[in-house]
Amino acid sequence: MTWGDVDWTNNRPHIRRHKTDTRFYMLIYEYLRPLLERLRAAVQVTVSRTNHLMQSICTHDV
């Protein structure tokens, strides 16, 4: 999942299933959104729509 997969307006990321190449949506829990926003702000300089979220989480201390 990349930063570009997160729909901040509707509060949900979309995930692509590799086997079927279909997308499904999840909700961002209320308590998780502030953490994701802080992380996105911390890496804003290097974030593009193709940067992976987990890579950002592992390389930045939020």
C-alpha atoms as a PDB file:
ATOM      1  CA  MET A   1       0.000   0.000   0.000  1.00  0.00           C
ATOM      2  CA  THR A   2       1.306   3.428  -0.903  1.00  0.00           C
ATOM      3  CA  TRP A   3       0.496   6.931   0.345  1.00  0.00           C
ATOM      4  CA  GLY A   4      -1.391   7.483  -2.889  1.00  0.00           C
ATOM      5  CA  ASP A   5      -3.749   4.645  -1.922  1.00  0.00           C
ATOM      6  CA  VAL A   6      -5.072   6.597   1.071  1.00  0.00           C
ATOM      7  CA  ASP A   7      -8.284   8.510   0.465  1.00  0.00           C
ATOM      8  CA  TRP A   8      -8.025  11.109   3.247  1.00  0.00           C
ATOM      9  CA  THR A   9     -11.346  12.741   2.348  1.00  0.00           C
ATOM     10  CA  ASN A  10     -13.334   9.543   2.809  1.00  0.00           C
ATOM     11  CA  ASN A  11     -11.073   8.279   5.596  1.00  0.00           C
ATOM     12  CA  ARG A  12     -10.164   5.011   3.905  1.00  0.00           C
ATOM     13  CA  PRO A  13      -7.265   3.404   2.056  1.00  0.00           C
ATOM     14  CA  HIS A  14      -7.808   1.109  -0.869  1.00  0.00           C
ATOM     15  CA  ILE A  15      -5.862  -2.093  -1.126  1.00  0.00           C
ATOM     16  CA  ARG A  16      -5.189  -3.981  -4.346  1.00  0.00           C
ATOM     17  CA  ARG A  17      -5.455  -7.734  -4.210  1.00  0.00           C
ATOM     18  CA  HIS A  18      -2.491  -9.152  -6.111  1.00  0.00           C
ATOM     19  CA  LYS A  19      -4.150 -12.409  -7.112  1.00  0.00           C
ATOM     20  CA  THR A  20      -7.327 -10.889  -8.618  1.00  0.00           C
ATOM     21  CA  ASP A  21      -6.100  -7.312  -9.179  1.00  0.00           C
ATOM     22  CA  THR A  22      -9.288  -5.980  -7.593  1.00  0.00           C
ATOM     23  CA  ARG A  23      -9.437  -3.268  -4.951  1.00  0.00           C
ATOM     24  CA  PHE A  24     -11.159  -3.268  -1.606  1.00  0.00           C
ATOM     25  CA  TYR A  25     -11.525  -0.509   0.957  1.00  0.00           C
ATOM     26  CA  MET A  26     -10.886  -0.379   4.674  1.00  0.00           C
ATOM     27  CA  LEU A  27     -11.714   2.314   7.188  1.00  0.00           C
ATOM     28  CA  ILE A  28      -9.048   4.265   9.054  1.00  0.00           C
ATOM     29  CA  TYR A  29      -9.883   3.975  12.744  1.00  0.00           C
ATOM     30  CA  GLU A  30     -10.300   7.273  14.615  1.00  0.00           C
ATOM     31  CA  TYR A  31      -7.351   6.575  16.908  1.00  0.00           C
ATOM     32  CA  LEU A  32      -5.072   5.607  14.005  1.00  0.00           C
ATOM     33  CA  ARG A  33      -5.665   8.640  11.772  1.00  0.00           C
ATOM     34  CA  PRO A  34      -3.663  11.122  13.947  1.00  0.00           C
ATOM     35  CA  LEU A  35      -0.673   8.769  13.848  1.00  0.00           C
ATOM     36  CA  LEU A  36      -0.883   8.425  10.058  1.00  0.00           C
ATOM     37  CA  GLU A  37      -1.203  12.211   9.674  1.00  0.00           C
ATOM     38  CA  ARG A  38       1.879  12.800  11.873  1.00  0.00           C
ATOM     39  CA  LEU A  39       3.816  10.230   9.894  1.00  0.00           C
ATOM     40  CA  ARG A  40       2.770  11.767   6.592  1.00  0.00           C
ATOM     41  CA  ALA A  41       3.781  15.237   7.858  1.00  0.00           C
ATOM     42  CA  ALA A  42       7.154  13.903   9.060  1.00  0.00           C
ATOM     43  CA  VAL A  43       8.011  12.447   5.677  1.00  0.00           C
ATOM     44  CA  GLN A  44       6.229  15.047   3.534  1.00  0.00           C
ATOM     45  CA  VAL A  45       9.438  16.110   1.811  1.00  0.00           C
ATOM     46  CA  THR A  46      10.113  12.631   0.469  1.00  0.00           C
ATOM     47  CA  VAL A  47       6.570  11.305   0.133  1.00  0.00           C
ATOM     48  CA  SER A  48       5.203  10.690  -3.289  1.00  0.00           C
ATOM     49  CA  ARG A  49       2.132   8.768  -4.313  1.00  0.00           C
ATOM     50  CA  THR A  50       4.311   5.712  -4.856  1.00  0.00           C
ATOM     51  CA  ASN A  51       6.156   5.665  -1.503  1.00  0.00           C
ATOM     52  CA  HIS A  52       5.092   2.695   0.578  1.00  0.00           C
ATOM     53  CA  LEU A  53       3.559   3.392   3.984  1.00  0.00           C
ATOM     54  CA  MET A  54       5.477   0.630   5.750  1.00  0.00           C
ATOM     55  CA  GLN A  55       8.757   1.898   4.355  1.00  0.00           C
ATOM     56  CA  SER A  56       7.920   5.340   5.766  1.00  0.00           C
ATOM     57  CA  ILE A  57       6.958   3.894   9.136  1.00  0.00           C
ATOM     58  CA  CYS A  58      10.184   1.904   9.389  1.00  0.00           C
ATOM     59  CA  THR A  59      12.471   4.787   8.456  1.00  0.00           C
ATOM     60  CA  HIS A  60      10.938   7.659  10.494  1.00  0.00           C
ATOM     61  CA  ASP A  61      10.385   8.115  14.204  1.00  0.00           C
ATOM     62  CA  VAL A  62       7.002   9.740  14.824  1.00  0.00           C
END
